[in-house]
Each structure stands twice: as structure tokens, then as C-alpha cells.
PDB file of all heavy atoms in Angstrom:
ATOM      1  N   ALA A   1     -75.516  -7.354  67.658  1.00  0.00           N
ATOM      2  CA  ALA A   1     -76.563  -6.492  67.084  1.00  0.00           C
ATOM      3  C   ALA A   1     -76.458  -5.075  67.637  1.00  0.00           C
ATOM      4  O   ALA A   1     -76.596  -4.104  66.893  1.00  0.00           O
ATOM      5  CB  ALA A   1     -77.937  -7.078  67.355  1.00  0.00           C
ATOM      6  N   ARG A   2     -76.229  -4.943  68.950  1.00  0.00           N
ATOM      7  CA  ARG A   2     -76.069  -3.610  69.545  1.00  0.00           C
ATOM      8  C   ARG A   2     -74.853  -2.900  68.962  1.00  0.00           C
ATOM      9  O   ARG A   2     -74.904  -1.699  68.661  1.00  0.00           O
ATOM     10  CB  ARG A   2     -75.943  -3.705  71.060  1.00  0.00           C
ATOM     11  CG  ARG A   2     -77.240  -3.962  71.778  1.00  0.00           C
ATOM     12  CD  ARG A   2     -77.107  -3.770  73.281  1.00  0.00           C
ATOM     13  NE  ARG A   2     -76.044  -4.561  73.869  1.00  0.00           N
ATOM     14  CZ  ARG A   2     -76.178  -5.807  74.325  1.00  0.00           C
ATOM     15  NH1 ARG A   2     -77.362  -6.409  74.234  1.00  0.00           N
ATOM     16  NH2 ARG A   2     -75.157  -6.451  74.855  1.00  0.00           N
ATOM     17  N   SER A   3     -73.773  -3.633  68.794  1.00  0.00           N
ATOM     18  CA  SER A   3     -72.555  -3.058  68.230  1.00  0.00           C
ATOM     19  C   SER A   3     -72.788  -2.569  66.802  1.00  0.00           C
ATOM     20  O   SER A   3     -72.375  -1.468  66.433  1.00  0.00           O
ATOM     21  CB  SER A   3     -71.438  -4.103  68.262  1.00  0.00           C
ATOM     22  OG  SER A   3     -70.279  -3.616  67.650  1.00  0.00           O
ATOM     23  N   GLU A   4     -73.455  -3.386  66.014  1.00  0.00           N
ATOM     24  CA  GLU A   4     -73.731  -3.010  64.624  1.00  0.00           C
ATOM     25  C   GLU A   4     -74.673  -1.815  64.552  1.00  0.00           C
ATOM     26  O   GLU A   4     -74.486  -0.911  63.735  1.00  0.00           O
ATOM     27  CB  GLU A   4     -74.295  -4.200  63.865  1.00  0.00           C
ATOM     28  CG  GLU A   4     -73.263  -5.296  63.647  1.00  0.00           C
ATOM     29  CD  GLU A   4     -73.849  -6.576  63.086  1.00  0.00           C
ATOM     30  OE1 GLU A   4     -75.100  -6.697  63.001  1.00  0.00           O
ATOM     31  OE2 GLU A   4     -73.062  -7.474  62.735  1.00  0.00           O
ATOM     32  N   ALA A   5     -75.688  -1.789  65.421  1.00  0.00           N
ATOM     33  CA  ALA A   5     -76.623  -0.656  65.445  1.00  0.00           C
ATOM     34  C   ALA A   5     -75.896   0.617  65.863  1.00  0.00           C
ATOM     35  O   ALA A   5     -76.128   1.694  65.291  1.00  0.00           O
ATOM     36  CB  ALA A   5     -77.783  -0.947  66.392  1.00  0.00           C
ATOM     37  N   GLY A   6     -75.018   0.507  66.843  1.00  0.00           N
ATOM     38  CA  GLY A   6     -74.242   1.670  67.282  1.00  0.00           C
ATOM     39  C   GLY A   6     -73.334   2.188  66.186  1.00  0.00           C
ATOM     40  O   GLY A   6     -73.204   3.399  65.993  1.00  0.00           O
ATOM     41  N   ALA A   7     -72.724   1.265  65.436  1.00  0.00           N
ATOM     42  CA  ALA A   7     -71.846   1.667  64.332  1.00  0.00           C
ATOM     43  C   ALA A   7     -72.642   2.379  63.238  1.00  0.00           C
ATOM     44  O   ALA A   7     -72.187   3.390  62.686  1.00  0.00           O
ATOM     45  CB  ALA A   7     -71.124   0.450  63.761  1.00  0.00           C
ATOM     46  N   ARG A   8     -73.850   1.872  62.939  1.00  0.00           N
ATOM     47  CA  ARG A   8     -74.700   2.533  61.931  1.00  0.00           C
ATOM     48  C   ARG A   8     -75.095   3.932  62.391  1.00  0.00           C
ATOM     49  O   ARG A   8     -75.048   4.894  61.617  1.00  0.00           O
ATOM     50  CB  ARG A   8     -75.955   1.707  61.643  1.00  0.00           C
ATOM     51  CG  ARG A   8     -75.721   0.507  60.758  1.00  0.00           C
ATOM     52  CD  ARG A   8     -77.033  -0.130  60.304  1.00  0.00           C
ATOM     53  NE  ARG A   8     -77.899  -0.513  61.407  1.00  0.00           N
ATOM     54  CZ  ARG A   8     -77.824  -1.675  62.058  1.00  0.00           C
ATOM     55  NH1 ARG A   8     -76.921  -2.573  61.718  1.00  0.00           N
ATOM     56  NH2 ARG A   8     -78.655  -1.951  63.036  1.00  0.00           N
ATOM     57  N   ALA A   9     -75.481   4.056  63.660  1.00  0.00           N
ATOM     58  CA  ALA A   9     -75.885   5.361  64.189  1.00  0.00           C
ATOM     59  C   ALA A   9     -74.718   6.338  64.151  1.00  0.00           C
ATOM     60  O   ALA A   9     -74.886   7.510  63.787  1.00  0.00           O
ATOM     61  CB  ALA A   9     -76.411   5.205  65.619  1.00  0.00           C
ATOM     62  N   LEU A  10     -73.530   5.869  64.511  1.00  0.00           N
ATOM     63  CA  LEU A  10     -72.353   6.740  64.483  1.00  0.00           C
ATOM     64  C   LEU A  10     -72.047   7.184  63.053  1.00  0.00           C
ATOM     65  O   LEU A  10     -71.743   8.361  62.809  1.00  0.00           O
ATOM     66  CB  LEU A  10     -71.155   6.014  65.102  1.00  0.00           C
ATOM     67  CG  LEU A  10     -69.846   6.797  65.143  1.00  0.00           C
ATOM     68  CD1 LEU A  10     -70.012   8.108  65.902  1.00  0.00           C
ATOM     69  CD2 LEU A  10     -68.751   5.948  65.782  1.00  0.00           C
ATOM     70  N   ARG A  11     -72.152   6.278  62.091  1.00  0.00           N
ATOM     71  CA  ARG A  11     -71.916   6.648  60.693  1.00  0.00           C
ATOM     72  C   ARG A  11     -72.932   7.688  60.212  1.00  0.00           C
ATOM     73  O   ARG A  11     -72.569   8.635  59.518  1.00  0.00           O
ATOM     74  CB  ARG A  11     -71.961   5.416  59.783  1.00  0.00           C
ATOM     75  CG  ARG A  11     -70.715   4.561  59.850  1.00  0.00           C
ATOM     76  CD  ARG A  11     -70.674   3.521  58.746  1.00  0.00           C
ATOM     77  NE  ARG A  11     -71.832   2.650  58.710  1.00  0.00           N
ATOM     78  CZ  ARG A  11     -71.937   1.501  59.389  1.00  0.00           C
ATOM     79  NH1 ARG A  11     -70.957   1.108  60.170  1.00  0.00           N
ATOM     80  NH2 ARG A  11     -73.022   0.763  59.282  1.00  0.00           N
ATOM     81  N   ARG A  12     -74.208   7.505  60.598  1.00  0.00           N
ATOM     82  CA  ARG A  12     -75.232   8.486  60.192  1.00  0.00           C
ATOM     83  C   ARG A  12     -74.938   9.854  60.791  1.00  0.00           C
ATOM     84  O   ARG A  12     -75.041  10.876  60.117  1.00  0.00           O
ATOM     85  CB  ARG A  12     -76.625   8.010  60.597  1.00  0.00           C
ATOM     86  CG  ARG A  12     -77.169   6.930  59.680  1.00  0.00           C
ATOM     87  CD  ARG A  12     -78.642   6.685  59.896  1.00  0.00           C
ATOM     88  NE  ARG A  12     -78.982   6.248  61.227  1.00  0.00           N
ATOM     89  CZ  ARG A  12     -79.041   4.987  61.646  1.00  0.00           C
ATOM     90  NH1 ARG A  12     -78.781   4.014  60.809  1.00  0.00           N
ATOM     91  NH2 ARG A  12     -79.369   4.692  62.880  1.00  0.00           N
ATOM     92  N   LEU A  13     -74.579   9.865  62.058  1.00  0.00           N
ATOM     93  CA  LEU A  13     -74.278  11.134  62.728  1.00  0.00           C
ATOM     94  C   LEU A  13     -73.062  11.805  62.093  1.00  0.00           C
ATOM     95  O   LEU A  13     -73.070  13.009  61.828  1.00  0.00           O
ATOM     96  CB  LEU A  13     -74.042  10.880  64.223  1.00  0.00           C
ATOM     97  CG  LEU A  13     -73.846  12.084  65.116  1.00  0.00           C
ATOM     98  CD1 LEU A  13     -75.026  13.043  65.019  1.00  0.00           C
ATOM     99  CD2 LEU A  13     -73.664  11.628  66.559  1.00  0.00           C
ATOM    100  N   ALA A  14     -72.040  11.028  61.816  1.00  0.00           N
ATOM    101  CA  ALA A  14     -70.816  11.573  61.222  1.00  0.00           C
ATOM    102  C   ALA A  14     -71.038  12.066  59.793  1.00  0.00           C
ATOM    103  O   ALA A  14     -70.363  12.996  59.339  1.00  0.00           O
ATOM    104  CB  ALA A  14     -69.711  10.524  61.254  1.00  0.00           C
ATOM    105  N   SER A  15     -71.993  11.454  59.083  1.00  0.00           N
ATOM    106  CA  SER A  15     -72.214  11.827  57.682  1.00  0.00           C
ATOM    107  C   SER A  15     -73.106  13.059  57.523  1.00  0.00           C
ATOM    108  O   SER A  15     -73.207  13.597  56.421  1.00  0.00           O
ATOM    109  CB  SER A  15     -72.818  10.653  56.911  1.00  0.00           C
ATOM    110  OG  SER A  15     -74.162  10.430  57.314  1.00  0.00           O
ATOM    111  N   MET A  16     -73.734  13.509  58.606  1.00  0.00           N
ATOM    112  CA  MET A  16     -74.595  14.692  58.521  1.00  0.00           C
ATOM    113  C   MET A  16     -73.758  15.937  58.241  1.00  0.00           C
ATOM    114  O   MET A  16     -72.617  16.041  58.681  1.00  0.00           O
ATOM    115  CB  MET A  16     -75.321  14.928  59.856  1.00  0.00           C
ATOM    116  CG  MET A  16     -76.417  13.997  60.155  1.00  0.00           C
ATOM    117  SD  MET A  16     -77.157  14.469  61.750  1.00  0.00           S
ATOM    118  CE  MET A  16     -78.350  13.178  61.921  1.00  0.00           C
ATOM    119  N   GLY A  17     -74.362  16.857  57.533  1.00  0.00           N
ATOM    120  CA  GLY A  17     -73.729  18.158  57.367  1.00  0.00           C
ATOM    121  C   GLY A  17     -73.667  18.861  58.724  1.00  0.00           C
ATOM    122  O   GLY A  17     -74.415  18.522  59.648  1.00  0.00           O
ATOM    123  N   GLU A  18     -72.774  19.821  58.831  1.00  0.00           N
ATOM    124  CA  GLU A  18     -72.553  20.482  60.116  1.00  0.00           C
ATOM    125  C   GLU A  18     -73.825  21.106  60.698  1.00  0.00           C
ATOM    126  O   GLU A  18     -74.125  20.936  61.878  1.00  0.00           O
ATOM    127  CB  GLU A  18     -71.463  21.544  59.973  1.00  0.00           C
ATOM    128  CG  GLU A  18     -70.997  22.099  61.285  1.00  0.00           C
ATOM    129  CD  GLU A  18     -69.790  22.988  61.119  1.00  0.00           C
ATOM    130  OE1 GLU A  18     -68.939  22.692  60.274  1.00  0.00           O
ATOM    131  OE2 GLU A  18     -69.726  23.982  61.856  1.00  0.00           O
ATOM    132  N   GLU A  19     -74.569  21.815  59.887  1.00  0.00           N
ATOM    133  CA  GLU A  19     -75.787  22.480  60.374  1.00  0.00           C
ATOM    134  C   GLU A  19     -76.843  21.465  60.782  1.00  0.00           C
ATOM    135  O   GLU A  19     -77.468  21.588  61.838  1.00  0.00           O
ATOM    136  CB  GLU A  19     -76.348  23.431  59.312  1.00  0.00           C
ATOM    137  CG  GLU A  19     -77.638  24.114  59.713  1.00  0.00           C
ATOM    138  CD  GLU A  19     -77.492  25.040  60.921  1.00  0.00           C
ATOM    139  OE1 GLU A  19     -76.372  25.419  61.277  1.00  0.00           O
ATOM    140  OE2 GLU A  19     -78.537  25.372  61.527  1.00  0.00           O
ATOM    141  N   ARG A  20     -77.057  20.452  59.952  1.00  0.00           N
ATOM    142  CA  ARG A  20     -78.052  19.415  60.277  1.00  0.00           C
ATOM    143  C   ARG A  20     -77.663  18.687  61.568  1.00  0.00           C
ATOM    144  O   ARG A  20     -78.506  18.395  62.409  1.00  0.00           O
ATOM    145  CB  ARG A  20     -78.160  18.427  59.122  1.00  0.00           C
ATOM    146  CG  ARG A  20     -79.197  17.369  59.352  1.00  0.00           C
ATOM    147  CD  ARG A  20     -79.383  16.512  58.120  1.00  0.00           C
ATOM    148  NE  ARG A  20     -80.314  15.442  58.415  1.00  0.00           N
ATOM    149  CZ  ARG A  20     -80.219  14.227  57.929  1.00  0.00           C
ATOM    150  NH1 ARG A  20     -79.249  13.920  57.096  1.00  0.00           N
ATOM    151  NH2 ARG A  20     -81.097  13.310  58.249  1.00  0.00           N
ATOM    152  N   ARG A  21     -76.364  18.389  61.730  1.00  0.00           N
ATOM    153  CA  ARG A  21     -75.906  17.709  62.935  1.00  0.00           C
ATOM    154  C   ARG A  21     -76.098  18.598  64.166  1.00  0.00           C
ATOM    155  O   ARG A  21     -76.515  18.149  65.209  1.00  0.00           O
ATOM    156  CB  ARG A  21     -74.441  17.287  62.792  1.00  0.00           C
ATOM    157  CG  ARG A  21     -73.948  16.485  63.967  1.00  0.00           C
ATOM    158  CD  ARG A  21     -72.546  15.927  63.788  1.00  0.00           C
ATOM    159  NE  ARG A  21     -71.632  16.797  63.103  1.00  0.00           N
ATOM    160  CZ  ARG A  21     -71.147  16.573  61.881  1.00  0.00           C
ATOM    161  NH1 ARG A  21     -71.483  15.484  61.220  1.00  0.00           N
ATOM    162  NH2 ARG A  21     -70.307  17.420  61.334  1.00  0.00           N
ATOM    163  N   ARG A  22     -75.815  19.893  64.033  1.00  0.00           N
ATOM    164  CA  ARG A  22     -76.000  20.816  65.144  1.00  0.00           C
ATOM    165  C   ARG A  22     -77.458  20.839  65.582  1.00  0.00           C
ATOM    166  O   ARG A  22     -77.773  20.755  66.767  1.00  0.00           O
ATOM    167  CB  ARG A  22     -75.554  22.233  64.776  1.00  0.00           C
ATOM    168  CG  ARG A  22     -75.623  23.217  65.951  1.00  0.00           C
ATOM    169  CD  ARG A  22     -75.454  24.648  65.497  1.00  0.00           C
ATOM    170  NE  ARG A  22     -76.493  25.095  64.599  1.00  0.00           N
ATOM    171  CZ  ARG A  22     -77.739  25.405  64.967  1.00  0.00           C
ATOM    172  NH1 ARG A  22     -78.109  25.292  66.224  1.00  0.00           N
ATOM    173  NH2 ARG A  22     -78.616  25.811  64.087  1.00  0.00           N
ATOM    174  N   VAL A  23     -78.378  20.898  64.624  1.00  0.00           N
ATOM    175  CA  VAL A  23     -79.806  20.900  64.929  1.00  0.00           C
ATOM    176  C   VAL A  23     -80.202  19.573  65.589  1.00  0.00           C
ATOM    177  O   VAL A  23     -80.914  19.557  66.600  1.00  0.00           O
ATOM    178  CB  VAL A  23     -80.642  21.163  63.652  1.00  0.00           C
ATOM    179  CG1 VAL A  23     -82.113  20.887  63.888  1.00  0.00           C
ATOM    180  CG2 VAL A  23     -80.411  22.580  63.160  1.00  0.00           C
ATOM    181  N   TRP A  24     -79.740  18.460  65.026  1.00  0.00           N
ATOM    182  CA  TRP A  24     -80.088  17.155  65.585  1.00  0.00           C
ATOM    183  C   TRP A  24     -79.557  17.015  67.006  1.00  0.00           C
ATOM    184  O   TRP A  24     -80.279  16.576  67.904  1.00  0.00           O
ATOM    185  CB  TRP A  24     -79.540  16.024  64.698  1.00  0.00           C
ATOM    186  CG  TRP A  24     -80.036  14.696  65.160  1.00  0.00           C
ATOM    187  CD1 TRP A  24     -81.176  14.073  64.751  1.00  0.00           C
ATOM    188  CD2 TRP A  24     -79.456  13.863  66.162  1.00  0.00           C
ATOM    189  NE1 TRP A  24     -81.325  12.887  65.444  1.00  0.00           N
ATOM    190  CE2 TRP A  24     -80.291  12.734  66.315  1.00  0.00           C
ATOM    191  CE3 TRP A  24     -78.319  13.954  66.959  1.00  0.00           C
ATOM    192  CZ2 TRP A  24     -80.016  11.714  67.210  1.00  0.00           C
ATOM    193  CZ3 TRP A  24     -78.045  12.930  67.859  1.00  0.00           C
ATOM    194  CH2 TRP A  24     -78.887  11.832  67.974  1.00  0.00           C
ATOM    195  N   LEU A  25     -78.292  17.378  67.217  1.00  0.00           N
ATOM    196  CA  LEU A  25     -77.713  17.268  68.565  1.00  0.00           C
ATOM    197  C   LEU A  25     -78.439  18.178  69.556  1.00  0.00           C
ATOM    198  O   LEU A  25     -78.644  17.798  70.715  1.00  0.00           O
ATOM    199  CB  LEU A  25     -76.216  17.588  68.537  1.00  0.00           C
ATOM    200  CG  LEU A  25     -75.329  16.503  67.949  1.00  0.00           C
ATOM    201  CD1 LEU A  25     -73.914  17.034  67.717  1.00  0.00           C
ATOM    202  CD2 LEU A  25     -75.288  15.281  68.858  1.00  0.00           C
ATOM    203  N   SER A  26     -78.838  19.352  69.127  1.00  0.00           N
ATOM    204  CA  SER A  26     -79.595  20.249  70.005  1.00  0.00           C
ATOM    205  C   SER A  26     -80.906  19.606  70.429  1.00  0.00           C
ATOM    206  O   SER A  26     -81.269  19.629  71.603  1.00  0.00           O
ATOM    207  CB  SER A  26     -79.876  21.586  69.302  1.00  0.00           C
ATOM    208  OG  SER A  26     -78.669  22.273  69.063  1.00  0.00           O
ATOM    209  N   ARG A  27     -81.610  19.008  69.483  1.00  0.00           N
ATOM    210  CA  ARG A  27     -82.858  18.309  69.810  1.00  0.00           C
ATOM    211  C   ARG A  27     -82.598  17.110  70.708  1.00  0.00           C
ATOM    212  O   ARG A  27     -83.337  16.841  71.648  1.00  0.00           O
ATOM    213  CB  ARG A  27     -83.569  17.853  68.531  1.00  0.00           C
ATOM    214  CG  ARG A  27     -84.179  19.004  67.752  1.00  0.00           C
ATOM    215  CD  ARG A  27     -84.922  18.540  66.513  1.00  0.00           C
ATOM    216  NE  ARG A  27     -85.938  17.554  66.852  1.00  0.00           N
ATOM    217  CZ  ARG A  27     -86.220  16.496  66.096  1.00  0.00           C
ATOM    218  NH1 ARG A  27     -85.567  16.281  64.967  1.00  0.00           N
ATOM    219  NH2 ARG A  27     -87.152  15.654  66.462  1.00  0.00           N
ATOM    220  N   TYR A  28     -81.525  16.379  70.425  1.00  0.00           N
ATOM    221  CA  TYR A  28     -81.170  15.204  71.223  1.00  0.00           C
ATOM    222  C   TYR A  28     -80.913  15.601  72.673  1.00  0.00           C
ATOM    223  O   TYR A  28     -81.478  15.022  73.595  1.00  0.00           O
ATOM    224  CB  TYR A  28     -79.939  14.526  70.616  1.00  0.00           C
ATOM    225  CG  TYR A  28     -79.383  13.429  71.482  1.00  0.00           C
ATOM    226  CD1 TYR A  28     -79.960  12.165  71.472  1.00  0.00           C
ATOM    227  CD2 TYR A  28     -78.294  13.655  72.308  1.00  0.00           C
ATOM    228  CE1 TYR A  28     -79.462  11.150  72.271  1.00  0.00           C
ATOM    229  CE2 TYR A  28     -77.788  12.649  73.111  1.00  0.00           C
ATOM    230  CZ  TYR A  28     -78.377  11.397  73.090  1.00  0.00           C
ATOM    231  OH  TYR A  28     -77.881  10.408  73.887  1.00  0.00           O
ATOM    232  N   PHE A  29     -80.059  16.597  72.887  1.00  0.00           N
ATOM    233  CA  PHE A  29     -79.740  16.994  74.263  1.00  0.00           C
ATOM    234  C   PHE A  29     -80.935  17.619  74.972  1.00  0.00           C
ATOM    235  O   PHE A  29     -81.096  17.440  76.177  1.00  0.00           O
ATOM    236  CB  PHE A  29     -78.520  17.920  74.298  1.00  0.00           C
ATOM    237  CG  PHE A  29     -77.232  17.189  74.059  1.00  0.00           C
ATOM    238  CD1 PHE A  29     -76.464  17.463  72.950  1.00  0.00           C
ATOM    239  CD2 PHE A  29     -76.800  16.202  74.929  1.00  0.00           C
ATOM    240  CE1 PHE A  29     -75.279  16.779  72.717  1.00  0.00           C
ATOM    241  CE2 PHE A  29     -75.622  15.507  74.706  1.00  0.00           C
ATOM    242  CZ  PHE A  29     -74.858  15.801  73.598  1.00  0.00           C
ATOM    243  N   ALA A  30     -81.796  18.312  74.240  1.00  0.00           N
ATOM    244  CA  ALA A  30     -82.999  18.886  74.842  1.00  0.00           C
ATOM    245  C   ALA A  30     -83.958  17.788  75.303  1.00  0.00           C
ATOM    246  O   ALA A  30     -84.685  17.959  76.288  1.00  0.00           O
ATOM    247  CB  ALA A  30     -83.697  19.813  73.847  1.00  0.00           C
ATOM    248  N   SER A  31     -83.946  16.649  74.628  1.00  0.00           N
ATOM    249  CA  SER A  31     -84.875  15.566  74.964  1.00  0.00           C
ATOM    250  C   SER A  31     -84.344  14.644  76.054  1.00  0.00           C
ATOM    251  O   SER A  31     -85.078  13.806  76.566  1.00  0.00           O
ATOM    252  CB  SER A  31     -85.180  14.735  73.716  1.00  0.00           C
ATOM    253  OG  SER A  31     -84.042  13.982  73.336  1.00  0.00           O
ATOM    254  N   ARG A  32     -83.088  14.741  76.421  1.00  0.00           N
ATOM    255  CA  ARG A  32     -82.472  13.816  77.371  1.00  0.00           C
ATOM    256  C   ARG A  32     -83.161  13.808  78.729  1.00  0.00           C
ATOM    257  O   ARG A  32     -83.170  12.798  79.405  1.00  0.00           O
ATOM    258  CB  ARG A  32     -80.985  14.135  77.559  1.00  0.00           C
ATOM    259  CG  ARG A  32     -80.136  13.860  76.356  1.00  0.00           C
ATOM    260  CD  ARG A  32     -79.901  12.400  76.114  1.00  0.00           C
ATOM    261  NE  ARG A  32     -79.158  11.870  77.250  1.00  0.00           N
ATOM    262  CZ  ARG A  32     -79.338  10.673  77.759  1.00  0.00           C
ATOM    263  NH1 ARG A  32     -80.229   9.875  77.254  1.00  0.00           N
ATOM    264  NH2 ARG A  32     -78.635  10.250  78.776  1.00  0.00           N
ATOM    265  N   GLY A  33     -83.751  14.913  79.155  1.00  0.00           N
ATOM    266  CA  GLY A  33     -84.405  14.964  80.450  1.00  0.00           C
ATOM    267  C   GLY A  33     -85.825  14.429  80.439  1.00  0.00           C
ATOM    268  O   GLY A  33     -86.460  14.299  81.483  1.00  0.00           O
ATOM    269  N   SER A  34     -86.324  14.094  79.275  1.00  0.00           N
ATOM    270  CA  SER A  34     -87.700  13.636  79.142  1.00  0.00           C
ATOM    271  C   SER A  34     -87.801  12.131  79.330  1.00  0.00           C
ATOM    272  O   SER A  34     -86.907  11.381  78.977  1.00  0.00           O
ATOM    273  CB  SER A  34     -88.233  13.997  77.753  1.00  0.00           C
ATOM    274  OG  SER A  34     -89.492  13.418  77.545  1.00  0.00           O
ATOM    275  N   CYS A  35     -88.899  11.707  79.871  1.00  0.00           N
ATOM    276  CA  CYS A  35     -89.170  10.265  79.989  1.00  0.00           C
ATOM    277  C   CYS A  35     -89.931   9.749  78.770  1.00  0.00           C
ATOM    278  O   CYS A  35     -90.249   8.573  78.689  1.00  0.00           O
ATOM    279  CB  CYS A  35     -89.988   9.991  81.255  1.00  0.00           C
ATOM    280  SG  CYS A  35     -89.051  10.288  82.762  1.00  0.00           S
TER     281      CYS A  35
END
């Protein structure tokens, strides 16, 4: 299940347009320090 979920997440990330992915990754990395 973890493997399948990871594969789905990777496909979603890879399918994003460049600008949308840049925005998403920026939000993701900004949130990494939060609990």
C-alpha cells in the first residue's frame, strides 16, 4: 500500500505543469519545519 501510494504521488508530481510544481514544491519545503 505504501509503495502504491508513493507511486501515485510521484505520478501526480511528475504530471504537474512546471509552474504549478514549482509553487507546490515551494509550499512543501516551507512546511517541512512545521509540526
